[in-house]
Amino acid sequence: MFRAVALVPSPPLLVPELTGNGAPEASEVRDASLDAVRFLAAAVDLWVAVGVDDSRRRVASTSSGTFAGYGVDVAAALSPRASAADPELPLPALIAGWLRGQAAPDSSVDVRLVEQNADSDECRRFGRELREEIDSDGREWGLLVIGDGATTLTEKAPGSFDGRAAHVQAQIDDALASADLETLATLDRRLCHDVGARSVAAWQTLTGVVGTDRLGPRTLYRGAPFGVGYFVGTWDVLR
């Protein structure tokens, strides 16, 4: 039975060794993300992570990796018994593994990656398929959705500045904060891509997973440190 959702971003700055413990902006996002994963792990028997990548694929819970490609060789494993590190593990899987290790070290997590450029219909279909697959397991389960917002919110942002980004980010944040599935499902993909919000496929996959369930959303963080939009929150599936 599907029970809960945790929504977190995917910046490497979540890992203290990559930013230094004295970065308050990073600490706020990190603490909120860890709280979201703790909520998820406490609410369900198993959880699955969804993120975006260049192609659709599954990363099994036996996998592990390292943030060496981002500057520091910090390990991230998807289970306590994960195999040797895969140097090609994509960022959403690294983030899922690191958060698991910090917030729920006894748990395991599978990662499902959806193609970044998949259209909204394909994403929702993938979400429905995932829902059917995991529901057949019989245990209570939840979803960790990993995605970043616009990267063009300030002049010093990674994507420079785009005057349209603030409106797009507000639309995304408001939709995630209120569990507005219709808005998430109909986000303007071209505009989101232009302003650097390239995780839309993950959120649209989420809409396919949720379907018609009633939701109780909670916001833990919304902001734009370093000119990038990040949202952290939880959705409780109401019965």
Foldseek 3Di string as FASTA:
>chain_A
DEWKEWEWAQDPLLDCVLPPPPDVVSVLRNVLNLVSVLVQVVTWDAEEEEFADQAWDKDFQLAKAACVVSPDGDIFGQALNHDDYDDPDDRSNRRNRVSCCVRPHHHGYMYTYHYLPDALVVLLVLLLVVLVVVVVVVTYYYYYYYFWFFQAQDCQGPVGHDPCRVVLLVLVQVCQQVVVLVSLSPPDQVVRVVRPRRGSSSSSNVSSNCPPFDWDKDWSDWDAPRRITITIIMITGDD
